[in-house]
Amino acid sequence: MSDSLCPRERIRKKKEFLVIYKKGTRYRGKYFTIVHISNDLNFSRMAVVVSKKIGNAVKRNKIKRWIRTLFRMNKTLMDESLDLIIIPKKEIQEAAWPELQEEFLKALKSLRQSC
């Protein structure tokens, strides 16, 4: 599996978002909330939803890039294939990169235990 985030690993359809929001389980962390549900595919997929409350477009896009990078770097650690929607909180703006990595790994560990 490569380190890139290919199009098939992204959730794009409104119908899929609605199913995940309705049936998914939530993990609430310090910097983000993850809504997750297992899928029938051989790989995990993700989407990032950043509220306008977080900042202007530049800040929101930067946060999306950070989260996609975290997912790309750690997608091999996921034992089960999952659909993830990651919703950042305002606190993510003040977070340092090592803190974000630590929080994301903690979230993945929690997701493995809950599934």
PDB file of N, CA and C in Angstrom:
ATOM      1  N   MET A   1       0.842  -1.181   0.000  1.00  0.00           N
ATOM      2  CA  MET A   1       0.000   0.000   0.000  1.00  0.00           C
ATOM      3  C   MET A   1       0.887   1.245   0.000  1.00  0.00           C
ATOM      4  N   SER A   2       0.560   2.196  -0.832  1.00  0.00           N
ATOM      5  CA  SER A   2       1.404   3.378  -0.956  1.00  0.00           C
ATOM      6  C   SER A   2       1.056   4.421   0.105  1.00  0.00           C
ATOM      7  N   ASP A   3       1.916   5.433   0.186  1.00  0.00           N
ATOM      8  CA  ASP A   3       1.716   6.504   1.153  1.00  0.00           C
ATOM      9  C   ASP A   3       0.807   7.607   0.635  1.00  0.00           C
ATOM     10  N   SER A   4       0.350   7.474  -0.588  1.00  0.00           N
ATOM     11  CA  SER A   4      -0.514   8.516  -1.135  1.00  0.00           C
ATOM     12  C   SER A   4      -1.969   8.265  -0.737  1.00  0.00           C
ATOM     13  N   LEU A   5      -2.774   9.275  -0.901  1.00  0.00           N
ATOM     14  CA  LEU A   5      -4.202   9.176  -0.610  1.00  0.00           C
ATOM     15  C   LEU A   5      -4.924   9.157  -1.955  1.00  0.00           C
ATOM     16  N   CYS A   6      -5.217   7.963  -2.433  1.00  0.00           N
ATOM     17  CA  CYS A   6      -5.837   7.851  -3.751  1.00  0.00           C
ATOM     18  C   CYS A   6      -7.337   8.174  -3.664  1.00  0.00           C
ATOM     19  N   PRO A   7      -7.949   8.486  -4.790  1.00  0.00           N
ATOM     20  CA  PRO A   7      -9.365   8.879  -4.784  1.00  0.00           C
ATOM     21  C   PRO A   7     -10.303   7.843  -4.174  1.00  0.00           C
ATOM     22  N   ARG A   8      -9.997   6.574  -4.292  1.00  0.00           N
ATOM     23  CA  ARG A   8     -10.894   5.556  -3.731  1.00  0.00           C
ATOM     24  C   ARG A   8     -10.884   5.551  -2.204  1.00  0.00           C
ATOM     25  N   GLU A   9      -9.903   6.199  -1.588  1.00  0.00           N
ATOM     26  CA  GLU A   9      -9.811   6.260  -0.129  1.00  0.00           C
ATOM     27  C   GLU A   9     -10.493   7.503   0.452  1.00  0.00           C
ATOM     28  N   ARG A  10     -11.242   8.201  -0.366  1.00  0.00           N
ATOM     29  CA  ARG A  10     -11.958   9.385   0.091  1.00  0.00           C
ATOM     30  C   ARG A  10     -13.462   9.134   0.040  1.00  0.00           C
ATOM     31  N   ILE A  11     -14.157   9.663   1.016  1.00  0.00           N
ATOM     32  CA  ILE A  11     -15.613   9.580   1.037  1.00  0.00           C
ATOM     33  C   ILE A  11     -16.114  10.862   0.395  1.00  0.00           C
ATOM     34  N   ARG A  12     -16.957  10.733  -0.633  1.00  0.00           N
ATOM     35  CA  ARG A  12     -17.389  11.919  -1.369  1.00  0.00           C
ATOM     36  C   ARG A  12     -18.893  12.050  -1.515  1.00  0.00           C
ATOM     37  N   LYS A  13     -19.616  10.950  -1.463  1.00  0.00           N
ATOM     38  CA  LYS A  13     -21.049  11.000  -1.745  1.00  0.00           C
ATOM     39  C   LYS A  13     -21.848  11.375  -0.504  1.00  0.00           C
ATOM     40  N   LYS A  14     -22.839  12.212  -0.704  1.00  0.00           N
ATOM     41  CA  LYS A  14     -23.684  12.677   0.394  1.00  0.00           C
ATOM     42  C   LYS A  14     -24.359  11.509   1.095  1.00  0.00           C
ATOM     43  N   LYS A  15     -24.786  10.522   0.340  1.00  0.00           N
ATOM     44  CA  LYS A  15     -25.453   9.352   0.892  1.00  0.00           C
ATOM     45  C   LYS A  15     -24.537   8.613   1.881  1.00  0.00           C
ATOM     46  N   GLU A  16     -23.272   8.493   1.532  1.00  0.00           N
ATOM     47  CA  GLU A  16     -22.303   7.826   2.414  1.00  0.00           C
ATOM     48  C   GLU A  16     -22.083   8.642   3.686  1.00  0.00           C
ATOM     49  N   PHE A  17     -21.995   9.969   3.556  1.00  0.00           N
ATOM     50  CA  PHE A  17     -21.847  10.828   4.729  1.00  0.00           C
ATOM     51  C   PHE A  17     -23.021  10.636   5.683  1.00  0.00           C
ATOM     52  N   LEU A  18     -24.231  10.637   5.129  1.00  0.00           N
ATOM     53  CA  LEU A  18     -25.426  10.509   5.959  1.00  0.00           C
ATOM     54  C   LEU A  18     -25.459   9.176   6.697  1.00  0.00           C
ATOM     55  N   VAL A  19     -25.067   8.089   6.035  1.00  0.00           N
ATOM     56  CA  VAL A  19     -25.039   6.769   6.682  1.00  0.00           C
ATOM     57  C   VAL A  19     -24.037   6.754   7.816  1.00  0.00           C
ATOM     58  N   ILE A  20     -22.873   7.330   7.592  1.00  0.00           N
ATOM     59  CA  ILE A  20     -21.834   7.339   8.629  1.00  0.00           C
ATOM     60  C   ILE A  20     -22.282   8.183   9.818  1.00  0.00           C
ATOM     61  N   TYR A  21     -22.846   9.359   9.553  1.00  0.00           N
ATOM     62  CA  TYR A  21     -23.323  10.207  10.647  1.00  0.00           C
ATOM     63  C   TYR A  21     -24.434   9.523  11.442  1.00  0.00           C
ATOM     64  N   LYS A  22     -25.323   8.809  10.745  1.00  0.00           N
ATOM     65  CA  LYS A  22     -26.471   8.211  11.412  1.00  0.00           C
ATOM     66  C   LYS A  22     -26.102   6.946  12.189  1.00  0.00           C
ATOM     67  N   LYS A  23     -25.306   6.067  11.587  1.00  0.00           N
ATOM     68  CA  LYS A  23     -25.017   4.770  12.194  1.00  0.00           C
ATOM     69  C   LYS A  23     -23.644   4.680  12.836  1.00  0.00           C
ATOM     70  N   GLY A  24     -22.812   5.674  12.629  1.00  0.00           N
ATOM     71  CA  GLY A  24     -21.443   5.615  13.104  1.00  0.00           C
ATOM     72  C   GLY A  24     -21.291   5.867  14.597  1.00  0.00           C
ATOM     73  N   THR A  25     -20.145   5.469  15.095  1.00  0.00           N
ATOM     74  CA  THR A  25     -19.772   5.675  16.492  1.00  0.00           C
ATOM     75  C   THR A  25     -18.816   6.858  16.551  1.00  0.00           C
ATOM     76  N   ARG A  26     -18.890   7.629  17.629  1.00  0.00           N
ATOM     77  CA  ARG A  26     -18.062   8.825  17.746  1.00  0.00           C
ATOM     78  C   ARG A  26     -16.926   8.634  18.754  1.00  0.00           C
ATOM     79  N   TYR A  27     -15.766   9.135  18.358  1.00  0.00           N
ATOM     80  CA  TYR A  27     -14.627   9.254  19.270  1.00  0.00           C
ATOM     81  C   TYR A  27     -14.388  10.751  19.427  1.00  0.00           C
ATOM     82  N   ARG A  28     -14.407  11.237  20.653  1.00  0.00           N
ATOM     83  CA  ARG A  28     -14.184  12.658  20.897  1.00  0.00           C
ATOM     84  C   ARG A  28     -12.814  12.846  21.536  1.00  0.00           C
ATOM     85  N   GLY A  29     -11.944  13.506  20.818  1.00  0.00           N
ATOM     86  CA  GLY A  29     -10.601  13.761  21.303  1.00  0.00           C
ATOM     87  C   GLY A  29     -10.405  15.229  21.619  1.00  0.00           C
ATOM     88  N   LYS A  30      -9.171  15.573  21.945  1.00  0.00           N
ATOM     89  CA  LYS A  30      -8.852  16.944  22.307  1.00  0.00           C
ATOM     90  C   LYS A  30      -8.920  17.883  21.099  1.00  0.00           C
ATOM     91  N   TYR A  31      -8.464  17.408  19.950  1.00  0.00           N
ATOM     92  CA  TYR A  31      -8.368  18.260  18.771  1.00  0.00           C
ATOM     93  C   TYR A  31      -9.380  17.946  17.677  1.00  0.00           C
ATOM     94  N   PHE A  32     -10.016  16.791  17.728  1.00  0.00           N
ATOM     95  CA  PHE A  32     -10.978  16.436  16.688  1.00  0.00           C
ATOM     96  C   PHE A  32     -11.938  15.364  17.176  1.00  0.00           C
ATOM     97  N   THR A  33     -13.044  15.249  16.461  1.00  0.00           N
ATOM     98  CA  THR A  33     -14.020  14.196  16.678  1.00  0.00           C
ATOM     99  C   THR A  33     -13.971  13.294  15.458  1.00  0.00           C
ATOM    100  N   ILE A  34     -14.008  11.988  15.678  1.00  0.00           N
ATOM    101  CA  ILE A  34     -14.011  11.039  14.572  1.00  0.00           C
ATOM    102  C   ILE A  34     -15.307  10.245  14.618  1.00  0.00           C
ATOM    103  N   VAL A  35     -16.044  10.271  13.525  1.00  0.00           N
ATOM    104  CA  VAL A  35     -17.236   9.444  13.379  1.00  0.00           C
ATOM    105  C   VAL A  35     -16.804   8.280  12.495  1.00  0.00           C
ATOM    106  N   HIS A  36     -16.972   7.057  12.988  1.00  0.00           N
ATOM    107  CA  HIS A  36     -16.457   5.901  12.241  1.00  0.00           C
ATOM    108  C   HIS A  36     -17.464   4.768  12.182  1.00  0.00           C
ATOM    109  N   ILE A  37     -17.341   3.996  11.117  1.00  0.00           N
ATOM    110  CA  ILE A  37     -18.165   2.813  10.909  1.00  0.00           C
ATOM    111  C   ILE A  37     -17.347   1.854  10.051  1.00  0.00           C
ATOM    112  N   SER A  38     -17.499   0.565  10.268  1.00  0.00           N
ATOM    113  CA  SER A  38     -16.740  -0.388   9.464  1.00  0.00           C
ATOM    114  C   SER A  38     -17.361  -0.481   8.073  1.00  0.00           C
ATOM    115  N   ASN A  39     -16.521  -0.781   7.093  1.00  0.00           N
ATOM    116  CA  ASN A  39     -17.012  -0.928   5.719  1.00  0.00           C
ATOM    117  C   ASN A  39     -16.650  -2.319   5.192  1.00  0.00           C
ATOM    118  N   ASP A  40     -17.188  -2.662   4.040  1.00  0.00           N
ATOM    119  CA  ASP A  40     -16.973  -3.984   3.452  1.00  0.00           C
ATOM    120  C   ASP A  40     -15.841  -3.987   2.436  1.00  0.00           C
ATOM    121  N   LEU A  41     -15.050  -2.960   2.420  1.00  0.00           N
ATOM    122  CA  LEU A  41     -13.959  -2.846   1.455  1.00  0.00           C
ATOM    123  C   LEU A  41     -12.664  -3.395   2.055  1.00  0.00           C
ATOM    124  N   ASN A  42     -11.624  -3.473   1.252  1.00  0.00           N
ATOM    125  CA  ASN A  42     -10.321  -3.959   1.723  1.00  0.00           C
ATOM    126  C   ASN A  42      -9.466  -2.827   2.280  1.00  0.00           C
ATOM    127  N   PHE A  43      -9.982  -1.626   2.282  1.00  0.00           N
ATOM    128  CA  PHE A  43      -9.192  -0.459   2.687  1.00  0.00           C
ATOM    129  C   PHE A  43     -10.081   0.518   3.457  1.00  0.00           C
ATOM    130  N   SER A  44      -9.436   1.405   4.190  1.00  0.00           N
ATOM    131  CA  SER A  44     -10.160   2.434   4.937  1.00  0.00           C
ATOM    132  C   SER A  44     -10.328   3.670   4.071  1.00  0.00           C
ATOM    133  N   ARG A  45     -11.395   4.416   4.352  1.00  0.00           N
ATOM    134  CA  ARG A  45     -11.650   5.657   3.642  1.00  0.00           C
ATOM    135  C   ARG A  45     -11.862   6.765   4.662  1.00  0.00           C
ATOM    136  N   MET A  46     -11.652   8.001   4.222  1.00  0.00           N
ATOM    137  CA  MET A  46     -11.811   9.116   5.153  1.00  0.00           C
ATOM    138  C   MET A  46     -12.308  10.360   4.453  1.00  0.00           C
ATOM    139  N   ALA A  47     -12.829  11.269   5.273  1.00  0.00           N
ATOM    140  CA  ALA A  47     -13.230  12.600   4.824  1.00  0.00           C
ATOM    141  C   ALA A  47     -12.959  13.552   5.974  1.00  0.00           C
ATOM    142  N   VAL A  48     -12.682  14.786   5.636  1.00  0.00           N
ATOM    143  CA  VAL A  48     -12.451  15.821   6.640  1.00  0.00           C
ATOM    144  C   VAL A  48     -13.518  16.891   6.455  1.00  0.00           C
ATOM    145  N   VAL A  49     -14.181  17.257   7.549  1.00  0.00           N
ATOM    146  CA  VAL A  49     -15.212  18.288   7.511  1.00  0.00           C
ATOM    147  C   VAL A  49     -14.773  19.391   8.475  1.00  0.00           C
ATOM    148  N   VAL A  50     -14.421  20.553   7.925  1.00  0.00           N
ATOM    149  CA  VAL A  50     -13.935  21.667   8.742  1.00  0.00           C
ATOM    150  C   VAL A  50     -14.961  22.789   8.714  1.00  0.00           C
ATOM    151  N   SER A  51     -15.402  23.201   9.880  1.00  0.00           N
ATOM    152  CA  SER A  51     -16.409  24.252  10.018  1.00  0.00           C
ATOM    153  C   SER A  51     -15.816  25.622   9.716  1.00  0.00           C
ATOM    154  N   LYS A  52     -16.657  26.527   9.246  1.00  0.00           N
ATOM    155  CA  LYS A  52     -16.215  27.900   9.011  1.00  0.00           C
ATOM    156  C   LYS A  52     -15.898  28.617  10.310  1.00  0.00           C
ATOM    157  N   LYS A  53     -16.316  28.066  11.440  1.00  0.00           N
ATOM    158  CA  LYS A  53     -16.014  28.657  12.745  1.00  0.00           C
ATOM    159  C   LYS A  53     -14.520  28.591  13.043  1.00  0.00           C
ATOM    160  N   ILE A  54     -13.820  27.700  12.377  1.00  0.00           N
ATOM    161  CA  ILE A  54     -12.388  27.524  12.643  1.00  0.00           C
ATOM    162  C   ILE A  54     -11.566  28.659  12.045  1.00  0.00           C
ATOM    163  N   GLY A  55     -11.980  29.199  10.929  1.00  0.00           N
ATOM    164  CA  GLY A  55     -11.211  30.293  10.357  1.00  0.00           C
ATOM    165  C   GLY A  55     -11.504  30.468   8.884  1.00  0.00           C
ATOM    166  N   ASN A  56     -10.653  31.250   8.245  1.00  0.00           N
ATOM    167  CA  ASN A  56     -10.850  31.501   6.819  1.00  0.00           C
ATOM    168  C   ASN A  56     -10.421  30.281   5.990  1.00  0.00           C
ATOM    169  N   ALA A  57     -10.555  30.369   4.685  1.00  0.00           N
ATOM    170  CA  ALA A  57     -10.298  29.235   3.806  1.00  0.00           C
ATOM    171  C   ALA A  57      -8.851  28.738   3.907  1.00  0.00           C
ATOM    172  N   VAL A  58      -7.921  29.653   4.076  1.00  0.00           N
ATOM    173  CA  VAL A  58      -6.516  29.260   4.167  1.00  0.00           C
ATOM    174  C   VAL A  58      -6.295  28.367   5.395  1.00  0.00           C
ATOM    175  N   LYS A  59      -6.829  28.763   6.538  1.00  0.00           N
ATOM    176  CA  LYS A  59      -6.677  27.973   7.768  1.00  0.00           C
ATOM    177  C   LYS A  59      -7.388  26.630   7.648  1.00  0.00           C
ATOM    178  N   ARG A  60      -8.590  26.643   7.083  1.00  0.00           N
ATOM    179  CA  ARG A  60      -9.340  25.391   6.942  1.00  0.00           C
ATOM    180  C   ARG A  60      -8.625  24.421   6.021  1.00  0.00           C
ATOM    181  N   ASN A  61      -8.081  24.900   4.915  1.00  0.00           N
ATOM    182  CA  ASN A  61      -7.356  24.032   3.993  1.00  0.00           C
ATOM    183  C   ASN A  61      -6.079  23.484   4.610  1.00  0.00           C
ATOM    184  N   LYS A  62      -5.405  24.297   5.412  1.00  0.00           N
ATOM    185  CA  LYS A  62      -4.192  23.842   6.094  1.00  0.00           C
ATOM    186  C   LYS A  62      -4.527  22.697   7.054  1.00  0.00           C
ATOM    187  N   ILE A  63      -5.616  22.842   7.791  1.00  0.00           N
ATOM    188  CA  ILE A  63      -6.039  21.800   8.728  1.00  0.00           C
ATOM    189  C   ILE A  63      -6.411  20.525   7.975  1.00  0.00           C
ATOM    190  N   LYS A  64      -7.090  20.675   6.840  1.00  0.00           N
ATOM    191  CA  LYS A  64      -7.429  19.498   6.029  1.00  0.00           C
ATOM    192  C   LYS A  64      -6.166  18.775   5.563  1.00  0.00           C
ATOM    193  N   ARG A  65      -5.174  19.532   5.131  1.00  0.00           N
ATOM    194  CA  ARG A  65      -3.903  18.915   4.690  1.00  0.00           C
ATOM    195  C   ARG A  65      -3.241  18.171   5.834  1.00  0.00           C
ATOM    196  N   TRP A  66      -3.231  18.776   7.042  1.00  0.00           N
ATOM    197  CA  TRP A  66      -2.639  18.119   8.208  1.00  0.00           C
ATOM    198  C   TRP A  66      -3.324  16.779   8.478  1.00  0.00           C
ATOM    199  N   ILE A  67      -4.646  16.788   8.473  1.00  0.00           N
ATOM    200  CA  ILE A  67      -5.395  15.575   8.819  1.00  0.00           C
ATOM    201  C   ILE A  67      -5.235  14.515   7.743  1.00  0.00           C
ATOM    202  N   ARG A  68      -5.258  14.919   6.478  1.00  0.00           N
ATOM    203  CA  ARG A  68      -5.037  13.931   5.415  1.00  0.00           C
ATOM    204  C   ARG A  68      -3.644  13.325   5.520  1.00  0.00           C
ATOM    205  N   THR A  69      -2.666  14.127   5.908  1.00  0.00           N
ATOM    206  CA  THR A  69      -1.306  13.616   6.089  1.00  0.00           C
ATOM    207  C   THR A  69      -1.250  12.621   7.242  1.00  0.00           C
ATOM    208  N   LEU A  70      -1.920  12.937   8.346  1.00  0.00           N
ATOM    209  CA  LEU A  70      -1.979  12.002   9.471  1.00  0.00           C
ATOM    210  C   LEU A  70      -2.591  10.672   9.037  1.00  0.00           C
ATOM    211  N   PHE A  71      -3.671  10.734   8.274  1.00  0.00           N
ATOM    212  CA  PHE A  71      -4.326   9.516   7.800  1.00  0.00           C
ATOM    213  C   PHE A  71      -3.392   8.722   6.890  1.00  0.00           C
ATOM    214  N   ARG A  72      -2.768   9.402   5.934  1.00  0.00           N
ATOM    215  CA  ARG A  72      -1.856   8.733   4.991  1.00  0.00           C
ATOM    216  C   ARG A  72      -0.705   8.041   5.705  1.00  0.00           C
ATOM    217  N   MET A  73      -0.118   8.724   6.680  1.00  0.00           N
ATOM    218  CA  MET A  73       1.042   8.185   7.378  1.00  0.00           C
ATOM    219  C   MET A  73       0.688   6.991   8.256  1.00  0.00           C
ATOM    220  N   ASN A  74      -0.559   6.910   8.718  1.00  0.00           N
ATOM    221  CA  ASN A  74      -0.930   5.899   9.702  1.00  0.00           C
ATOM    222  C   ASN A  74      -1.997   4.919   9.223  1.00  0.00           C
ATOM    223  N   LYS A  75      -2.339   4.933   7.949  1.00  0.00           N
ATOM    224  CA  LYS A  75      -3.413   4.056   7.484  1.00  0.00           C
ATOM    225  C   LYS A  75      -3.033   2.583   7.554  1.00  0.00           C
ATOM    226  N   THR A  76      -1.760   2.272   7.579  1.00  0.00           N
ATOM    227  CA  THR A  76      -1.343   0.870   7.703  1.00  0.00           C
ATOM    228  C   THR A  76      -1.567   0.334   9.114  1.00  0.00           C
ATOM    229  N   LEU A  77      -1.746   1.218  10.089  1.00  0.00           N
ATOM    230  CA  LEU A  77      -1.975   0.792  11.470  1.00  0.00           C
ATOM    231  C   LEU A  77      -3.406   0.339  11.723  1.00  0.00           C
ATOM    232  N   MET A  78      -4.293   0.605  10.787  1.00  0.00           N
ATOM    233  CA  MET A  78      -5.692   0.213  10.957  1.00  0.00           C
ATOM    234  C   MET A  78      -5.858  -1.252  10.578  1.00  0.00           C
ATOM    235  N   ASP A  79      -6.246  -2.058  11.561  1.00  0.00           N
ATOM    236  CA  ASP A  79      -6.426  -3.489  11.321  1.00  0.00           C
ATOM    237  C   ASP A  79      -7.676  -3.754  10.495  1.00  0.00           C
ATOM    238  N   GLU A  80      -8.724  -3.034  10.801  1.00  0.00           N
ATOM    239  CA  GLU A  80     -10.012  -3.221  10.157  1.00  0.00           C
ATOM    240  C   GLU A  80     -10.243  -2.080   9.178  1.00  0.00           C
ATOM    241  N   SER A  81     -10.968  -2.352   8.104  1.00  0.00           N
ATOM    242  CA  SER A  81     -11.271  -1.274   7.164  1.00  0.00           C
ATOM    243  C   SER A  81     -12.447  -0.460   7.694  1.00  0.00           C
ATOM    244  N   LEU A  82     -12.243   0.838   7.772  1.00  0.00           N
ATOM    245  CA  LEU A  82     -13.224   1.750   8.364  1.00  0.00           C
ATOM    246  C   LEU A  82     -13.514   2.910   7.427  1.00  0.00           C
ATOM    247  N   ASP A  83     -14.685   3.496   7.595  1.00  0.00           N
ATOM    248  CA  ASP A  83     -15.002   4.786   6.997  1.00  0.00           C
ATOM    249  C   ASP A  83     -14.927   5.806   8.125  1.00  0.00           C
ATOM    250  N   LEU A  84     -14.116   6.839   7.941  1.00  0.00           N
ATOM    251  CA  LEU A  84     -13.895   7.847   8.983  1.00  0.00           C
ATOM    252  C   LEU A  84     -14.306   9.222   8.478  1.00  0.00           C
ATOM    253  N   ILE A  85     -15.002   9.957   9.313  1.00  0.00           N
ATOM    254  CA  ILE A  85     -15.210  11.385   9.081  1.00  0.00           C
ATOM    255  C   ILE A  85     -14.546  12.091  10.248  1.00  0.00           C
ATOM    256  N   ILE A  86     -13.572  12.923   9.933  1.00  0.00           N
ATOM    257  CA  ILE A  86     -12.808  13.613  10.967  1.00  0.00           C
ATOM    258  C   ILE A  86     -13.246  15.074  10.986  1.00  0.00           C
ATOM    259  N   ILE A  87     -13.677  15.517  12.170  1.00  0.00           N
ATOM    260  CA  ILE A  87     -14.187  16.874  12.347  1.00  0.00           C
ATOM    261  C   ILE A  87     -13.275  17.601  13.334  1.00  0.00           C
ATOM    262  N   PRO A  88     -12.417  18.498  12.859  1.00  0.00           N
ATOM    263  CA  PRO A  88     -11.503  19.212  13.747  1.00  0.00           C
ATOM    264  C   PRO A  88     -12.235  20.198  14.656  1.00  0.00           C
ATOM    265  N   LYS A  89     -11.637  20.422  15.829  1.00  0.00           N
ATOM    266  CA  LYS A  89     -12.137  21.427  16.769  1.00  0.00           C
ATOM    267  C   LYS A  89     -11.264  22.674  16.668  1.00  0.00           C
ATOM    268  N   LYS A  90     -11.723  23.776  17.253  1.00  0.00           N
ATOM    269  CA  LYS A  90     -10.965  25.034  17.206  1.00  0.00           C
ATOM    270  C   LYS A  90      -9.564  24.884  17.799  1.00  0.00           C
ATOM    271  N   GLU A  91      -9.424  24.028  18.805  1.00  0.00           N
ATOM    272  CA  GLU A  91      -8.147  23.864  19.501  1.00  0.00           C
ATOM    273  C   GLU A  91      -7.033  23.359  18.589  1.00  0.00           C
ATOM    274  N   ILE A  92      -7.390  22.799  17.445  1.00  0.00           N
ATOM    275  CA  ILE A  92      -6.379  22.237  16.543  1.00  0.00           C
ATOM    276  C   ILE A  92      -5.446  23.324  15.993  1.00  0.00           C
ATOM    277  N   GLN A  93      -5.906  24.562  15.970  1.00  0.00           N
ATOM    278  CA  GLN A  93      -5.089  25.650  15.431  1.00  0.00           C
ATOM    279  C   GLN A  93      -3.843  25.913  16.266  1.00  0.00           C
ATOM    280  N   GLU A  94      -3.949  25.693  17.576  1.00  0.00           N
ATOM    281  CA  GLU A  94      -2.819  25.949  18.462  1.00  0.00           C
ATOM    282  C   GLU A  94      -1.957  24.709  18.673  1.00  0.00           C
ATOM    283  N   ALA A  95      -2.347  23.595  18.118  1.00  0.00           N
ATOM    284  CA  ALA A  95      -1.635  22.336  18.355  1.00  0.00           C
ATOM    285  C   ALA A  95      -0.348  22.263  17.545  1.00  0.00           C
ATOM    286  N   ALA A  96       0.665  21.668  18.158  1.00  0.00           N
ATOM    287  CA  ALA A  96       1.910  21.399  17.454  1.00  0.00           C
ATOM    288  C   ALA A  96       1.782  20.052  16.746  1.00  0.00           C
ATOM    289  N   TRP A  97       2.579  19.856  15.707  1.00  0.00           N
ATOM    290  CA  TRP A  97       2.503  18.624  14.921  1.00  0.00           C
ATOM    291  C   TRP A  97       2.687  17.361  15.770  1.00  0.00           C
ATOM    292  N   PRO A  98       3.676  17.294  16.679  1.00  0.00           N
ATOM    293  CA  PRO A  98       3.811  16.075  17.500  1.00  0.00           C
ATOM    294  C   PRO A  98       2.580  15.780  18.358  1.00  0.00           C
ATOM    295  N   GLU A  99       1.927  16.829  18.846  1.00  0.00           N
ATOM    296  CA  GLU A  99       0.707  16.638  19.632  1.00  0.00           C
ATOM    297  C   GLU A  99      -0.406  16.045  18.777  1.00  0.00           C
ATOM    298  N   LEU A 100      -0.529  16.539  17.552  1.00  0.00           N
ATOM    299  CA  LEU A 100      -1.551  16.009  16.647  1.00  0.00           C
ATOM    300  C   LEU A 100      -1.295  14.534  16.326  1.00  0.00           C
ATOM    301  N   GLN A 101      -0.045  14.202  16.071  1.00  0.00           N
ATOM    302  CA  GLN A 101       0.297  12.800  15.792  1.00  0.00           C
ATOM    303  C   GLN A 101      -0.043  11.918  16.977  1.00  0.00           C
ATOM    304  N   GLU A 102       0.309  12.367  18.158  1.00  0.00           N
ATOM    305  CA  GLU A 102       0.038  11.600  19.371  1.00  0.00           C
ATOM    306  C   GLU A 102      -1.473  11.408  19.571  1.00  0.00           C
ATOM    307  N   GLU A 103      -2.236  12.467  19.380  1.00  0.00           N
ATOM    308  CA  GLU A 103      -3.688  12.387  19.540  1.00  0.00           C
ATOM    309  C   GLU A 103      -4.312  11.464  18.494  1.00  0.00           C
ATOM    310  N   PHE A 104      -3.819  11.521  17.259  1.00  0.00           N
ATOM    311  CA  PHE A 104      -4.357  10.664  16.203  1.00  0.00           C
ATOM    312  C   PHE A 104      -4.047   9.192  16.490  1.00  0.00           C
ATOM    313  N   LEU A 105      -2.842   8.898  16.945  1.00  0.00           N
ATOM    314  CA  LEU A 105      -2.487   7.512  17.287  1.00  0.00           C
ATOM    315  C   LEU A 105      -3.329   7.012  18.457  1.00  0.00           C
ATOM    316  N   LYS A 106      -3.585   7.883  19.411  1.00  0.00           N
ATOM    317  CA  LYS A 106      -4.454   7.535  20.538  1.00  0.00           C
ATOM    318  C   LYS A 106      -5.876   7.234  20.038  1.00  0.00           C
ATOM    319  N   ALA A 107      -6.336   8.024  19.097  1.00  0.00           N
ATOM    320  CA  ALA A 107      -7.669   7.805  18.529  1.00  0.00           C
ATOM    321  C   ALA A 107      -7.728   6.476  17.784  1.00  0.00           C
ATOM    322  N   LEU A 108      -6.690   6.162  17.000  1.00  0.00           N
ATOM    323  CA  LEU A 108      -6.676   4.890  16.274  1.00  0.00           C
ATOM    324  C   LEU A 108      -6.688   3.702  17.240  1.00  0.00           C
ATOM    325  N   LYS A 109      -5.948   3.834  18.321  1.00  0.00           N
ATOM    326  CA  LYS A 109      -5.925   2.776  19.330  1.00  0.00           C
ATOM    327  C   LYS A 109      -7.318   2.582  19.929  1.00  0.00           C
ATOM    328  N   SER A 110      -7.991   3.670  20.200  1.00  0.00           N
ATOM    329  CA  SER A 110      -9.346   3.614  20.740  1.00  0.00           C
ATOM    330  C   SER A 110     -10.324   3.005  19.727  1.00  0.00           C
ATOM    331  N   LEU A 111     -10.159   3.347  18.455  1.00  0.00           N
ATOM    332  CA  LEU A 111     -11.031   2.805  17.414  1.00  0.00           C
ATOM    333  C   LEU A 111     -10.843   1.298  17.273  1.00  0.00           C
ATOM    334  N   ARG A 112      -9.600   0.840  17.377  1.00  0.00           N
ATOM    335  CA  ARG A 112      -9.330  -0.605  17.290  1.00  0.00           C
ATOM    336  C   ARG A 112     -10.018  -1.355  18.415  1.00  0.00           C
ATOM    337  N   GLN A 113     -10.018  -0.765  19.608  1.00  0.00           N
ATOM    338  CA  GLN A 113     -10.635  -1.430  20.763  1.00  0.00           C
ATOM    339  C   GLN A 113     -12.157  -1.435  20.661  1.00  0.00           C
ATOM    340  N   SER A 114     -12.733  -0.399  20.061  1.00  0.00           N
ATOM    341  CA  SER A 114     -14.185  -0.301  20.007  1.00  0.00           C
ATOM    342  C   SER A 114     -14.792  -1.144  18.886  1.00  0.00           C
ATOM    343  N   CYS A 115     -13.984  -1.471  17.876  1.00  0.00           N
ATOM    344  CA  CYS A 115     -14.535  -2.237  16.741  1.00  0.00           C
ATOM    345  C   CYS A 115     -14.485  -3.733  16.954  1.00  0.00           C
TER     346      CYS A 115
END
